[in-house]
Amino acid sequence: MLTMGDIIRDGHPSLRKVAAEVSMPPSEEDKQILSSLLEYVINSQNPEISAQYGLRPGIGLAAPQINVLKRMIAVHLMDETGTLYSYALFNPKIISHSVEKS
C-alpha cells in the first residue's frame, strides 16, 4: 500500500520531466503500480483508513507523483449527481478541456 511517504514533494526534479509512455500490453509491474495508485486514492477518501495511515485525501494520483516517470493516472471521484467515477488509466491523453474554473 502506498503511503504519504511515497509521494514526492513539490519542487522535486522528477515532477518537471516528461513521463514515458507505457508499452502495451503493460507489464505486471506496471499493472501493480497502477493498482496501487487507485488503491491509494480510494483509501485516502475513507476517513477511517486515511486517519489510520495518515493519508491526505485526494481524487487523483499520477505515477510521476510517486517518482515513477510513466504515463499512469488513477482518479476516484463523485460528481454533483452522485455518480461515482473510478478510473485507472495507462497513457491518458487530454483531448479537450473546459474553460470553466473550479
PDB file of N, CA and C in Angstrom:
ATOM      1  N   MET A   1       0.838  -1.185   0.000  1.00  0.00           N
ATOM      2  CA  MET A   1       0.000   0.000   0.000  1.00  0.00           C
ATOM      3  C   MET A   1       0.880   1.244   0.000  1.00  0.00           C
ATOM      4  N   LEU A   2       0.541   2.201  -0.864  1.00  0.00           N
ATOM      5  CA  LEU A   2       1.263   3.466  -0.889  1.00  0.00           C
ATOM      6  C   LEU A   2       0.945   4.271   0.363  1.00  0.00           C
ATOM      7  N   THR A   3       1.922   5.053   0.820  1.00  0.00           N
ATOM      8  CA  THR A   3       1.727   5.938   1.958  1.00  0.00           C
ATOM      9  C   THR A   3       2.108   7.355   1.548  1.00  0.00           C
ATOM     10  N   MET A   4       1.874   8.303   2.425  1.00  0.00           N
ATOM     11  CA  MET A   4       2.259   9.684   2.155  1.00  0.00           C
ATOM     12  C   MET A   4       3.760   9.787   1.909  1.00  0.00           C
ATOM     13  N   GLY A   5       4.548   8.921   2.527  1.00  0.00           N
ATOM     14  CA  GLY A   5       5.991   8.926   2.339  1.00  0.00           C
ATOM     15  C   GLY A   5       6.415   8.566   0.923  1.00  0.00           C
ATOM     16  N   ASP A   6       5.526   7.919   0.174  1.00  0.00           N
ATOM     17  CA  ASP A   6       5.829   7.546  -1.211  1.00  0.00           C
ATOM     18  C   ASP A   6       5.606   8.690  -2.188  1.00  0.00           C
ATOM     19  N   ILE A   7       4.876   9.707  -1.770  1.00  0.00           N
ATOM     20  CA  ILE A   7       4.553  10.832  -2.640  1.00  0.00           C
ATOM     21  C   ILE A   7       5.658  11.880  -2.541  1.00  0.00           C
ATOM     22  N   ILE A   8       6.220  12.230  -3.694  1.00  0.00           N
ATOM     23  CA  ILE A   8       7.299  13.224  -3.700  1.00  0.00           C
ATOM     24  C   ILE A   8       6.701  14.623  -3.584  1.00  0.00           C
ATOM     25  N   ARG A   9       7.485  15.538  -3.089  1.00  0.00           N
ATOM     26  CA  ARG A   9       7.004  16.893  -2.799  1.00  0.00           C
ATOM     27  C   ARG A   9       7.200  17.836  -3.979  1.00  0.00           C
ATOM     28  N   ASP A  10       6.420  18.904  -3.972  1.00  0.00           N
ATOM     29  CA  ASP A  10       6.539  19.951  -4.975  1.00  0.00           C
ATOM     30  C   ASP A  10       7.984  20.445  -5.009  1.00  0.00           C
ATOM     31  N   GLY A  11       8.499  20.630  -6.194  1.00  0.00           N
ATOM     32  CA  GLY A  11       9.885  21.056  -6.357  1.00  0.00           C
ATOM     33  C   GLY A  11      10.830  19.904  -6.684  1.00  0.00           C
ATOM     34  N   HIS A  12      10.368  18.668  -6.522  1.00  0.00           N
ATOM     35  CA  HIS A  12      11.205  17.503  -6.856  1.00  0.00           C
ATOM     36  C   HIS A  12      11.451  17.527  -8.368  1.00  0.00           C
ATOM     37  N   PRO A  13      12.692  17.303  -8.819  1.00  0.00           N
ATOM     38  CA  PRO A  13      13.008  17.385 -10.256  1.00  0.00           C
ATOM     39  C   PRO A  13      12.191  16.438 -11.142  1.00  0.00           C
ATOM     40  N   SER A  14      11.785  15.301 -10.635  1.00  0.00           N
ATOM     41  CA  SER A  14      11.008  14.351 -11.448  1.00  0.00           C
ATOM     42  C   SER A  14       9.674  14.930 -11.893  1.00  0.00           C
ATOM     43  N   LEU A  15       9.132  15.861 -11.131  1.00  0.00           N
ATOM     44  CA  LEU A  15       7.829  16.432 -11.469  1.00  0.00           C
ATOM     45  C   LEU A  15       7.891  17.367 -12.670  1.00  0.00           C
ATOM     46  N   ARG A  16       9.092  17.731 -13.093  1.00  0.00           N
ATOM     47  CA  ARG A  16       9.267  18.602 -14.265  1.00  0.00           C
ATOM     48  C   ARG A  16       9.669  17.826 -15.512  1.00  0.00           C
ATOM     49  N   LYS A  17       9.832  16.519 -15.388  1.00  0.00           N
ATOM     50  CA  LYS A  17      10.246  15.695 -16.519  1.00  0.00           C
ATOM     51  C   LYS A  17       9.026  15.141 -17.253  1.00  0.00           C
ATOM     52  N   VAL A  18       9.218  14.799 -18.520  1.00  0.00           N
ATOM     53  CA  VAL A  18       8.160  14.198 -19.316  1.00  0.00           C
ATOM     54  C   VAL A  18       8.109  12.700 -19.010  1.00  0.00           C
ATOM     55  N   ALA A  19       6.923  12.229 -18.670  1.00  0.00           N
ATOM     56  CA  ALA A  19       6.748  10.810 -18.355  1.00  0.00           C
ATOM     57  C   ALA A  19       6.750   9.983 -19.638  1.00  0.00           C
ATOM     58  N   ALA A  20       7.281   8.783 -19.542  1.00  0.00           N
ATOM     59  CA  ALA A  20       7.359   7.876 -20.690  1.00  0.00           C
ATOM     60  C   ALA A  20       6.030   7.159 -20.906  1.00  0.00           C
ATOM     61  N   GLU A  21       5.747   6.858 -22.150  1.00  0.00           N
ATOM     62  CA  GLU A  21       4.559   6.082 -22.472  1.00  0.00           C
ATOM     63  C   GLU A  21       4.737   4.657 -21.959  1.00  0.00           C
ATOM     64  N   VAL A  22       3.660   4.068 -21.469  1.00  0.00           N
ATOM     65  CA  VAL A  22       3.681   2.680 -21.012  1.00  0.00           C
ATOM     66  C   VAL A  22       3.483   1.790 -22.231  1.00  0.00           C
ATOM     67  N   SER A  23       4.374   0.830 -22.422  1.00  0.00           N
ATOM     68  CA  SER A  23       4.231  -0.067 -23.572  1.00  0.00           C
ATOM     69  C   SER A  23       3.074  -1.032 -23.318  1.00  0.00           C
ATOM     70  N   MET A  24       2.382  -1.362 -24.411  1.00  0.00           N
ATOM     71  CA  MET A  24       1.232  -2.262 -24.337  1.00  0.00           C
ATOM     72  C   MET A  24       1.592  -3.606 -24.934  1.00  0.00           C
ATOM     73  N   PRO A  25       1.182  -4.693 -24.357  1.00  0.00           N
ATOM     74  CA  PRO A  25       0.439  -4.777 -23.105  1.00  0.00           C
ATOM     75  C   PRO A  25       1.336  -4.388 -21.923  1.00  0.00           C
ATOM     76  N   PRO A  26       0.737  -3.836 -20.864  1.00  0.00           N
ATOM     77  CA  PRO A  26       1.551  -3.409 -19.722  1.00  0.00           C
ATOM     78  C   PRO A  26       2.142  -4.601 -18.979  1.00  0.00           C
ATOM     79  N   SER A  27       3.291  -4.364 -18.379  1.00  0.00           N
ATOM     80  CA  SER A  27       3.943  -5.410 -17.582  1.00  0.00           C
ATOM     81  C   SER A  27       3.167  -5.607 -16.277  1.00  0.00           C
ATOM     82  N   GLU A  28       3.435  -6.700 -15.617  1.00  0.00           N
ATOM     83  CA  GLU A  28       2.806  -6.961 -14.319  1.00  0.00           C
ATOM     84  C   GLU A  28       3.190  -5.869 -13.320  1.00  0.00           C
ATOM     85  N   GLU A  29       4.432  -5.399 -13.404  1.00  0.00           N
ATOM     86  CA  GLU A  29       4.877  -4.319 -12.511  1.00  0.00           C
ATOM     87  C   GLU A  29       4.074  -3.046 -12.763  1.00  0.00           C
ATOM     88  N   ASP A  30       3.859  -2.700 -14.029  1.00  0.00           N
ATOM     89  CA  ASP A  30       3.073  -1.506 -14.354  1.00  0.00           C
ATOM     90  C   ASP A  30       1.628  -1.665 -13.888  1.00  0.00           C
ATOM     91  N   LYS A  31       1.062  -2.843 -14.048  1.00  0.00           N
ATOM     92  CA  LYS A  31      -0.300  -3.097 -13.567  1.00  0.00           C
ATOM     93  C   LYS A  31      -0.378  -2.916 -12.057  1.00  0.00           C
ATOM     94  N   GLN A  32       0.637  -3.399 -11.343  1.00  0.00           N
ATOM     95  CA  GLN A  32       0.654  -3.283  -9.879  1.00  0.00           C
ATOM     96  C   GLN A  32       0.791  -1.824  -9.448  1.00  0.00           C
ATOM     97  N   ILE A  33       1.628  -1.067 -10.137  1.00  0.00           N
ATOM     98  CA  ILE A  33       1.783   0.357  -9.808  1.00  0.00           C
ATOM     99  C   ILE A  33       0.453   1.078  -9.996  1.00  0.00           C
ATOM    100  N   LEU A  34      -0.219   0.833 -11.120  1.00  0.00           N
ATOM    101  CA  LEU A  34      -1.493   1.490 -11.393  1.00  0.00           C
ATOM    102  C   LEU A  34      -2.548   1.082 -10.362  1.00  0.00           C
ATOM    103  N   SER A  35      -2.564  -0.168 -10.010  1.00  0.00           N
ATOM    104  CA  SER A  35      -3.492  -0.647  -8.987  1.00  0.00           C
ATOM    105  C   SER A  35      -3.229   0.042  -7.641  1.00  0.00           C
ATOM    106  N   SER A  36      -1.959   0.226  -7.306  1.00  0.00           N
ATOM    107  CA  SER A  36      -1.585   0.899  -6.054  1.00  0.00           C
ATOM    108  C   SER A  36      -2.011   2.369  -6.059  1.00  0.00           C
ATOM    109  N   LEU A  37      -1.914   3.024  -7.220  1.00  0.00           N
ATOM    110  CA  LEU A  37      -2.357   4.417  -7.326  1.00  0.00           C
ATOM    111  C   LEU A  37      -3.852   4.521  -7.032  1.00  0.00           C
ATOM    112  N   LEU A  38      -4.638   3.632  -7.634  1.00  0.00           N
ATOM    113  CA  LEU A  38      -6.080   3.672  -7.425  1.00  0.00           C
ATOM    114  C   LEU A  38      -6.423   3.317  -5.976  1.00  0.00           C
ATOM    115  N   GLU A  39      -5.753   2.327  -5.436  1.00  0.00           N
ATOM    116  CA  GLU A  39      -5.993   1.938  -4.040  1.00  0.00           C
ATOM    117  C   GLU A  39      -5.714   3.112  -3.101  1.00  0.00           C
ATOM    118  N   TYR A  40      -4.633   3.852  -3.356  1.00  0.00           N
ATOM    119  CA  TYR A  40      -4.293   4.994  -2.517  1.00  0.00           C
ATOM    120  C   TYR A  40      -5.408   6.038  -2.562  1.00  0.00           C
ATOM    121  N   VAL A  41      -5.862   6.393  -3.774  1.00  0.00           N
ATOM    122  CA  VAL A  41      -6.871   7.438  -3.916  1.00  0.00           C
ATOM    123  C   VAL A  41      -8.176   7.022  -3.221  1.00  0.00           C
ATOM    124  N   ILE A  42      -8.588   5.778  -3.399  1.00  0.00           N
ATOM    125  CA  ILE A  42      -9.814   5.293  -2.750  1.00  0.00           C
ATOM    126  C   ILE A  42      -9.646   5.325  -1.233  1.00  0.00           C
ATOM    127  N   ASN A  43      -8.520   4.809  -0.731  1.00  0.00           N
ATOM    128  CA  ASN A  43      -8.271   4.793   0.708  1.00  0.00           C
ATOM    129  C   ASN A  43      -8.165   6.190   1.290  1.00  0.00           C
ATOM    130  N   SER A  44      -7.631   7.131   0.514  1.00  0.00           N
ATOM    131  CA  SER A  44      -7.457   8.491   1.021  1.00  0.00           C
ATOM    132  C   SER A  44      -8.798   9.180   1.265  1.00  0.00           C
ATOM    133  N   GLN A  45      -9.847   8.705   0.610  1.00  0.00           N
ATOM    134  CA  GLN A  45     -11.172   9.298   0.774  1.00  0.00           C
ATOM    135  C   GLN A  45     -11.982   8.642   1.883  1.00  0.00           C
ATOM    136  N   ASN A  46     -11.464   7.565   2.454  1.00  0.00           N
ATOM    137  CA  ASN A  46     -12.126   6.887   3.563  1.00  0.00           C
ATOM    138  C   ASN A  46     -11.591   7.480   4.864  1.00  0.00           C
ATOM    139  N   PRO A  47     -12.426   8.175   5.646  1.00  0.00           N
ATOM    140  CA  PRO A  47     -11.932   8.857   6.846  1.00  0.00           C
ATOM    141  C   PRO A  47     -11.188   7.952   7.831  1.00  0.00           C
ATOM    142  N   GLU A  48     -11.671   6.732   8.023  1.00  0.00           N
ATOM    143  CA  GLU A  48     -11.016   5.822   8.969  1.00  0.00           C
ATOM    144  C   GLU A  48      -9.644   5.377   8.470  1.00  0.00           C
ATOM    145  N   ILE A  49      -9.581   4.966   7.212  1.00  0.00           N
ATOM    146  CA  ILE A  49      -8.311   4.492   6.650  1.00  0.00           C
ATOM    147  C   ILE A  49      -7.320   5.640   6.519  1.00  0.00           C
ATOM    148  N   SER A  50      -7.786   6.805   6.054  1.00  0.00           N
ATOM    149  CA  SER A  50      -6.862   7.936   5.894  1.00  0.00           C
ATOM    150  C   SER A  50      -6.300   8.388   7.240  1.00  0.00           C
ATOM    151  N   ALA A  51      -7.120   8.341   8.293  1.00  0.00           N
ATOM    152  CA  ALA A  51      -6.627   8.701   9.629  1.00  0.00           C
ATOM    153  C   ALA A  51      -5.641   7.651  10.141  1.00  0.00           C
ATOM    154  N   GLN A  52      -5.949   6.400   9.915  1.00  0.00           N
ATOM    155  CA  GLN A  52      -5.086   5.307  10.389  1.00  0.00           C
ATOM    156  C   GLN A  52      -3.704   5.351   9.746  1.00  0.00           C
ATOM    157  N   TYR A  53      -3.644   5.666   8.451  1.00  0.00           N
ATOM    158  CA  TYR A  53      -2.372   5.658   7.733  1.00  0.00           C
ATOM    159  C   TYR A  53      -1.817   7.053   7.444  1.00  0.00           C
ATOM    160  N   GLY A  54      -2.499   8.087   7.908  1.00  0.00           N
ATOM    161  CA  GLY A  54      -2.014   9.452   7.697  1.00  0.00           C
ATOM    162  C   GLY A  54      -2.018   9.865   6.241  1.00  0.00           C
ATOM    163  N   LEU A  55      -3.071   9.501   5.513  1.00  0.00           N
ATOM    164  CA  LEU A  55      -3.171   9.823   4.094  1.00  0.00           C
ATOM    165  C   LEU A  55      -3.854  11.168   3.911  1.00  0.00           C
ATOM    166  N   ARG A  56      -3.369  11.946   2.974  1.00  0.00           N
ATOM    167  CA  ARG A  56      -4.016  13.211   2.633  1.00  0.00           C
ATOM    168  C   ARG A  56      -5.070  12.928   1.561  1.00  0.00           C
ATOM    169  N   PRO A  57      -6.329  13.295   1.800  1.00  0.00           N
ATOM    170  CA  PRO A  57      -7.379  12.988   0.830  1.00  0.00           C
ATOM    171  C   PRO A  57      -7.108  13.603  -0.540  1.00  0.00           C
ATOM    172  N   GLY A  58      -7.463  12.860  -1.560  1.00  0.00           N
ATOM    173  CA  GLY A  58      -7.297  13.332  -2.930  1.00  0.00           C
ATOM    174  C   GLY A  58      -8.246  12.605  -3.855  1.00  0.00           C
ATOM    175  N   ILE A  59      -8.410  13.146  -5.072  1.00  0.00           N
ATOM    176  CA  ILE A  59      -9.276  12.496  -6.056  1.00  0.00           C
ATOM    177  C   ILE A  59      -8.473  11.855  -7.183  1.00  0.00           C
ATOM    178  N   GLY A  60      -7.192  12.159  -7.257  1.00  0.00           N
ATOM    179  CA  GLY A  60      -6.377  11.596  -8.323  1.00  0.00           C
ATOM    180  C   GLY A  60      -4.915  11.550  -7.937  1.00  0.00           C
ATOM    181  N   LEU A  61      -4.197  10.624  -8.542  1.00  0.00           N
ATOM    182  CA  LEU A  61      -2.766  10.478  -8.301  1.00  0.00           C
ATOM    183  C   LEU A  61      -2.131   9.934  -9.575  1.00  0.00           C
ATOM    184  N   ALA A  62      -1.040  10.556  -9.996  1.00  0.00           N
ATOM    185  CA  ALA A  62      -0.320  10.129 -11.196  1.00  0.00           C
ATOM    186  C   ALA A  62       1.001   9.487 -10.803  1.00  0.00           C
ATOM    187  N   ALA A  63       1.476   8.582 -11.632  1.00  0.00           N
ATOM    188  CA  ALA A  63       2.718   7.861 -11.341  1.00  0.00           C
ATOM    189  C   ALA A  63       3.908   8.788 -11.075  1.00  0.00           C
ATOM    190  N   PRO A  64       4.084   9.893 -11.817  1.00  0.00           N
ATOM    191  CA  PRO A  64       5.217  10.768 -11.508  1.00  0.00           C
ATOM    192  C   PRO A  64       5.189  11.324 -10.078  1.00  0.00           C
ATOM    193  N   GLN A  65       4.007  11.382  -9.460  1.00  0.00           N
ATOM    194  CA  GLN A  65       3.916  11.859  -8.086  1.00  0.00           C
ATOM    195  C   GLN A  65       4.499  10.876  -7.080  1.00  0.00           C
ATOM    196  N   ILE A  66       4.714   9.632  -7.523  1.00  0.00           N
ATOM    197  CA  ILE A  66       5.399   8.659  -6.665  1.00  0.00           C
ATOM    198  C   ILE A  66       6.776   8.325  -7.251  1.00  0.00           C
ATOM    199  N   ASN A  67       7.266   9.244  -8.081  1.00  0.00           N
ATOM    200  CA  ASN A  67       8.602   9.149  -8.689  1.00  0.00           C
ATOM    201  C   ASN A  67       8.736   7.985  -9.669  1.00  0.00           C
ATOM    202  N   VAL A  68       7.646   7.659 -10.343  1.00  0.00           N
ATOM    203  CA  VAL A  68       7.641   6.672 -11.422  1.00  0.00           C
ATOM    204  C   VAL A  68       7.322   7.455 -12.688  1.00  0.00           C
ATOM    205  N   LEU A  69       8.304   7.636 -13.548  1.00  0.00           N
ATOM    206  CA  LEU A  69       8.137   8.501 -14.710  1.00  0.00           C
ATOM    207  C   LEU A  69       7.492   7.772 -15.887  1.00  0.00           C
ATOM    208  N   LYS A  70       6.258   7.335 -15.667  1.00  0.00           N
ATOM    209  CA  LYS A  70       5.459   6.669 -16.688  1.00  0.00           C
ATOM    210  C   LYS A  70       4.078   7.300 -16.705  1.00  0.00           C
ATOM    211  N   ARG A  71       3.412   7.238 -17.849  1.00  0.00           N
ATOM    212  CA  ARG A  71       2.093   7.842 -18.020  1.00  0.00           C
ATOM    213  C   ARG A  71       1.007   6.923 -17.457  1.00  0.00           C
ATOM    214  N   MET A  72       0.723   7.131 -16.182  1.00  0.00           N
ATOM    215  CA  MET A  72      -0.328   6.386 -15.495  1.00  0.00           C
ATOM    216  C   MET A  72      -1.020   7.338 -14.538  1.00  0.00           C
ATOM    217  N   ILE A  73      -2.335   7.211 -14.423  1.00  0.00           N
ATOM    218  CA  ILE A  73      -3.090   8.042 -13.501  1.00  0.00           C
ATOM    219  C   ILE A  73      -4.294   7.266 -12.975  1.00  0.00           C
ATOM    220  N   ALA A  74      -4.620   7.523 -11.720  1.00  0.00           N
ATOM    221  CA  ALA A  74      -5.817   6.947 -11.109  1.00  0.00           C
ATOM    222  C   ALA A  74      -6.678   8.096 -10.609  1.00  0.00           C
ATOM    223  N   VAL A  75      -7.983   8.000 -10.856  1.00  0.00           N
ATOM    224  CA  VAL A  75      -8.937   9.030 -10.449  1.00  0.00           C
ATOM    225  C   VAL A  75     -10.136   8.345  -9.807  1.00  0.00           C
ATOM    226  N   HIS A  76     -10.594   8.913  -8.683  1.00  0.00           N
ATOM    227  CA  HIS A  76     -11.761   8.372  -7.975  1.00  0.00           C
ATOM    228  C   HIS A  76     -12.536   9.560  -7.422  1.00  0.00           C
ATOM    229  N   LEU A  77     -13.700   9.839  -8.042  1.00  0.00           N
ATOM    230  CA  LEU A  77     -14.475  10.995  -7.591  1.00  0.00           C
ATOM    231  C   LEU A  77     -15.953  10.805  -7.869  1.00  0.00           C
ATOM    232  N   MET A  78     -16.767  11.611  -7.179  1.00  0.00           N
ATOM    233  CA  MET A  78     -18.199  11.603  -7.361  1.00  0.00           C
ATOM    234  C   MET A  78     -18.606  12.968  -7.910  1.00  0.00           C
ATOM    235  N   ASP A  79     -19.451  12.954  -8.933  1.00  0.00           N
ATOM    236  CA  ASP A  79     -19.896  14.230  -9.485  1.00  0.00           C
ATOM    237  C   ASP A  79     -21.074  14.775  -8.687  1.00  0.00           C
ATOM    238  N   GLU A  80     -21.594  15.911  -9.128  1.00  0.00           N
ATOM    239  CA  GLU A  80     -22.656  16.589  -8.384  1.00  0.00           C
ATOM    240  C   GLU A  80     -23.962  15.806  -8.350  1.00  0.00           C
ATOM    241  N   THR A  81     -24.117  14.815  -9.233  1.00  0.00           N
ATOM    242  CA  THR A  81     -25.334  13.992  -9.228  1.00  0.00           C
ATOM    243  C   THR A  81     -25.171  12.726  -8.390  1.00  0.00           C
ATOM    244  N   GLY A  82     -23.974  12.514  -7.839  1.00  0.00           N
ATOM    245  CA  GLY A  82     -23.726  11.324  -7.035  1.00  0.00           C
ATOM    246  C   GLY A  82     -23.191  10.147  -7.817  1.00  0.00           C
ATOM    247  N   THR A  83     -22.887  10.353  -9.098  1.00  0.00           N
ATOM    248  CA  THR A  83     -22.313   9.283  -9.915  1.00  0.00           C
ATOM    249  C   THR A  83     -20.828   9.144  -9.593  1.00  0.00           C
ATOM    250  N   LEU A  84     -20.416   7.923  -9.278  1.00  0.00           N
ATOM    251  CA  LEU A  84     -19.026   7.648  -8.928  1.00  0.00           C
ATOM    252  C   LEU A  84     -18.227   7.308 -10.183  1.00  0.00           C
ATOM    253  N   TYR A  85     -17.087   7.950 -10.330  1.00  0.00           N
ATOM    254  CA  TYR A  85     -16.163   7.670 -11.431  1.00  0.00           C
ATOM    255  C   TYR A  85     -14.860   7.171 -10.814  1.00  0.00           C
ATOM    256  N   SER A  86     -14.434   6.012 -11.233  1.00  0.00           N
ATOM    257  CA  SER A  86     -13.203   5.431 -10.736  1.00  0.00           C
ATOM    258  C   SER A  86     -12.436   4.875 -11.928  1.00  0.00           C
ATOM    259  N   TYR A  87     -11.306   5.512 -12.237  1.00  0.00           N
ATOM    260  CA  TYR A  87     -10.537   5.144 -13.416  1.00  0.00           C
ATOM    261  C   TYR A  87      -9.076   4.895 -13.047  1.00  0.00           C
ATOM    262  N   ALA A  88      -8.492   3.923 -13.691  1.00  0.00           N
ATOM    263  CA  ALA A  88      -7.053   3.676 -13.618  1.00  0.00           C
ATOM    264  C   ALA A  88      -6.603   3.580 -15.077  1.00  0.00           C
ATOM    265  N   LEU A  89      -5.797   4.546 -15.527  1.00  0.00           N
ATOM    266  CA  LEU A  89      -5.501   4.677 -16.949  1.00  0.00           C
ATOM    267  C   LEU A  89      -4.012   4.604 -17.259  1.00  0.00           C
ATOM    268  N   PHE A  90      -3.687   3.856 -18.305  1.00  0.00           N
ATOM    269  CA  PHE A  90      -2.359   3.883 -18.891  1.00  0.00           C
ATOM    270  C   PHE A  90      -2.398   4.865 -20.052  1.00  0.00           C
ATOM    271  N   ASN A  91      -1.364   5.662 -20.214  1.00  0.00           N
ATOM    272  CA  ASN A  91      -1.198   6.569 -21.345  1.00  0.00           C
ATOM    273  C   ASN A  91      -2.413   7.465 -21.613  1.00  0.00           C
ATOM    274  N   PRO A  92      -2.924   8.146 -20.568  1.00  0.00           N
ATOM    275  CA  PRO A  92      -4.071   9.031 -20.808  1.00  0.00           C
ATOM    276  C   PRO A  92      -3.670  10.225 -21.663  1.00  0.00           C
ATOM    277  N   LYS A  93      -4.635  10.750 -22.410  1.00  0.00           N
ATOM    278  CA  LYS A  93      -4.402  11.942 -23.244  1.00  0.00           C
ATOM    279  C   LYS A  93      -5.551  12.904 -23.016  1.00  0.00           C
ATOM    280  N   ILE A  94      -5.216  14.172 -22.866  1.00  0.00           N
ATOM    281  CA  ILE A  94      -6.236  15.205 -22.765  1.00  0.00           C
ATOM    282  C   ILE A  94      -6.641  15.562 -24.190  1.00  0.00           C
ATOM    283  N   ILE A  95      -7.919  15.367 -24.502  1.00  0.00           N
ATOM    284  CA  ILE A  95      -8.381  15.659 -25.859  1.00  0.00           C
ATOM    285  C   ILE A  95      -9.206  16.945 -25.909  1.00  0.00           C
ATOM    286  N   SER A  96      -9.660  17.411 -24.762  1.00  0.00           N
ATOM    287  CA  SER A  96     -10.340  18.696 -24.678  1.00  0.00           C
ATOM    288  C   SER A  96     -10.319  19.135 -23.222  1.00  0.00           C
ATOM    289  N   HIS A  97     -10.630  20.371 -23.003  1.00  0.00           N
ATOM    290  CA  HIS A  97     -10.684  20.881 -21.640  1.00  0.00           C
ATOM    291  C   HIS A  97     -11.757  21.946 -21.542  1.00  0.00           C
ATOM    292  N   SER A  98     -12.175  22.198 -20.327  1.00  0.00           N
ATOM    293  CA  SER A  98     -13.206  23.187 -20.066  1.00  0.00           C
ATOM    294  C   SER A  98     -12.544  24.525 -19.740  1.00  0.00           C
ATOM    295  N   VAL A  99     -13.172  25.592 -20.138  1.00  0.00           N
ATOM    296  CA  VAL A  99     -12.669  26.917 -19.778  1.00  0.00           C
ATOM    297  C   VAL A  99     -13.186  27.315 -18.398  1.00  0.00           C
ATOM    298  N   GLU A 100     -14.127  26.528 -17.859  1.00  0.00           N
ATOM    299  CA  GLU A 100     -14.682  26.797 -16.534  1.00  0.00           C
ATOM    300  C   GLU A 100     -13.624  26.534 -15.466  1.00  0.00           C
ATOM    301  N   LYS A 101     -13.490  27.448 -14.542  1.00  0.00           N
ATOM    302  CA  LYS A 101     -12.527  27.301 -13.449  1.00  0.00           C
ATOM    303  C   LYS A 101     -13.222  26.671 -12.251  1.00  0.00           C
ATOM    304  N   SER A 102     -12.497  25.864 -11.502  1.00  0.00           N
ATOM    305  CA  SER A 102     -13.090  25.251 -10.313  1.00  0.00           C
ATOM    306  C   SER A 102     -12.924  26.157  -9.117  1.00  0.00           C
TER     307      SER A 102
END
